[in-house]
C-alpha atoms as a PDB file:
ATOM      1  CA  MET A   1       5.107 -14.785   0.422  1.00  0.00           C
ATOM      2  CA  ALA A   2       2.296 -14.035  -2.021  1.00  0.00           C
ATOM      3  CA  ALA A   3       2.030 -17.744  -2.833  1.00  0.00           C
ATOM      4  CA  LEU A   4       1.484 -18.513   0.858  1.00  0.00           C
ATOM      5  CA  THR A   5      -1.195 -15.845   1.042  1.00  0.00           C
ATOM      6  CA  ILE A   6      -2.996 -17.357  -1.936  1.00  0.00           C
ATOM      7  CA  PHE A   7      -2.600 -20.905  -0.607  1.00  0.00           C
ATOM      8  CA  LEU A   8      -3.574 -20.203   2.989  1.00  0.00           C
ATOM      9  CA  GLY A   9      -5.986 -17.347   2.399  1.00  0.00           C
ATOM     10  CA  ALA A  10      -4.264 -15.061   4.920  1.00  0.00           C
ATOM     11  CA  PRO A  11      -0.703 -14.023   5.687  1.00  0.00           C
ATOM     12  CA  LEU A  12       1.147 -15.926   8.397  1.00  0.00           C
ATOM     13  CA  SER A  13       1.428 -14.103  11.684  1.00  0.00           C
ATOM     14  CA  PRO A  14       4.116 -14.758  14.307  1.00  0.00           C
ATOM     15  CA  GLY A  15       1.487 -16.619  16.343  1.00  0.00           C
ATOM     16  CA  HIS A  16       0.889 -19.067  13.499  1.00  0.00           C
ATOM     17  CA  ILE A  17       4.601 -19.712  13.113  1.00  0.00           C
ATOM     18  CA  ILE A  18       4.982 -20.370  16.867  1.00  0.00           C
ATOM     19  CA  ILE A  19       2.110 -22.864  16.782  1.00  0.00           C
ATOM     20  CA  VAL A  20       3.617 -24.703  13.810  1.00  0.00           C
ATOM     21  CA  LEU A  21       7.038 -24.847  15.489  1.00  0.00           C
ATOM     22  CA  ALA A  22       5.467 -26.162  18.707  1.00  0.00           C
ATOM     23  CA  ILE A  23       3.687 -28.919  16.784  1.00  0.00           C
ATOM     24  CA  ILE A  24       6.939 -29.875  15.040  1.00  0.00           C
ATOM     25  CA  LEU A  25       8.706 -29.986  18.410  1.00  0.00           C
ATOM     26  CA  LEU A  26       5.993 -32.253  19.824  1.00  0.00           C
ATOM     27  CA  LEU A  27       6.059 -34.575  16.823  1.00  0.00           C
ATOM     28  CA  PHE A  28       9.805 -35.030  16.507  1.00  0.00           C
ATOM     29  CA  GLY A  29      11.162 -34.201  19.964  1.00  0.00           C
ATOM     30  CA  GLY A  30      14.077 -32.005  20.912  1.00  0.00           C
ATOM     31  CA  LYS A  31      16.799 -34.556  20.176  1.00  0.00           C
ATOM     32  CA  LYS A  32      15.659 -35.377  16.655  1.00  0.00           C
ATOM     33  CA  ILE A  33      15.323 -31.797  15.331  1.00  0.00           C
ATOM     34  CA  PRO A  34      19.099 -31.074  15.062  1.00  0.00           C
ATOM     35  CA  GLU A  35      19.532 -34.296  13.084  1.00  0.00           C
ATOM     36  CA  LEU A  36      16.711 -33.263  10.747  1.00  0.00           C
ATOM     37  CA  MET A  37      18.239 -29.806  10.229  1.00  0.00           C
ATOM     38  CA  LYS A  38      21.661 -31.343   9.555  1.00  0.00           C
ATOM     39  CA  GLY A  39      20.124 -33.612   6.929  1.00  0.00           C
ATOM     40  CA  LEU A  40      18.248 -30.704   5.385  1.00  0.00           C
ATOM     41  CA  GLY A  41      21.432 -28.608   5.255  1.00  0.00           C
ATOM     42  CA  SER A  42      23.427 -31.366   3.587  1.00  0.00           C
ATOM     43  CA  GLY A  43      20.618 -31.864   1.076  1.00  0.00           C
ATOM     44  CA  VAL A  44      20.642 -28.162   0.172  1.00  0.00           C
ATOM     45  CA  LYS A  45      24.435 -28.233  -0.135  1.00  0.00           C
ATOM     46  CA  GLU A  46      24.269 -31.267  -2.432  1.00  0.00           C
ATOM     47  CA  PHE A  47      21.579 -29.582  -4.539  1.00  0.00           C
ATOM     48  CA  LYS A  48      23.747 -26.474  -4.973  1.00  0.00           C
ATOM     49  CA  ASN A  49      26.738 -28.582  -5.997  1.00  0.00           C
ATOM     50  CA  ALA A  50      24.625 -30.513  -8.490  1.00  0.00           C
ATOM     51  CA  SER A  51      23.233 -27.312  -9.987  1.00  0.00           C
ATOM     52  CA  LYS A  52      26.776 -25.981 -10.427  1.00  0.00           C
ATOM     53  CA  ASP A  53      27.731 -29.187 -12.256  1.00  0.00           C
ATOM     54  CA  ASP A  54      24.778 -28.797 -14.638  1.00  0.00           C
ATOM     55  CA  GLN A  55      26.006 -25.502 -16.084  1.00  0.00           C
ATOM     56  CA  PRO A  56      26.558 -25.514 -19.859  1.00  0.00           C
ATOM     57  CA  ALA A  57      30.154 -26.045 -20.978  1.00  0.00           C
ATOM     58  CA  ASP A  58      30.558 -22.507 -22.342  1.00  0.00           C
ATOM     59  CA  LYS A  59      29.565 -20.953 -18.989  1.00  0.00           C
ATOM     60  CA  LYS A  60      31.992 -23.220 -17.115  1.00  0.00           C
ATOM     61  CA  ASP A  61      34.846 -21.924 -19.292  1.00  0.00           C
ATOM     62  CA  GLU A  62      33.888 -18.313 -18.579  1.00  0.00           C
ATOM     63  CA  THR A  63      33.855 -18.874 -14.809  1.00  0.00           C
ATOM     64  CA  LYS A  64      37.375 -20.349 -14.803  1.00  0.00           C
ATOM     65  CA  GLU A  65      38.920 -17.224 -16.308  1.00  0.00           C
END
């Protein structure tokens, strides 16, 4: 949150978040947002699986025991 404060110059209030969400809704429409969230979720899931595969061999052996 501190990074957002530095970047934006002020903390985000609930009003700011509502405005941003309204703009996103206007840009993409109500039907497209669930598809975007599904794609985002699958991307995060794939990233987690890839990061698990990148563990060093000695840590993989420890997790199996």
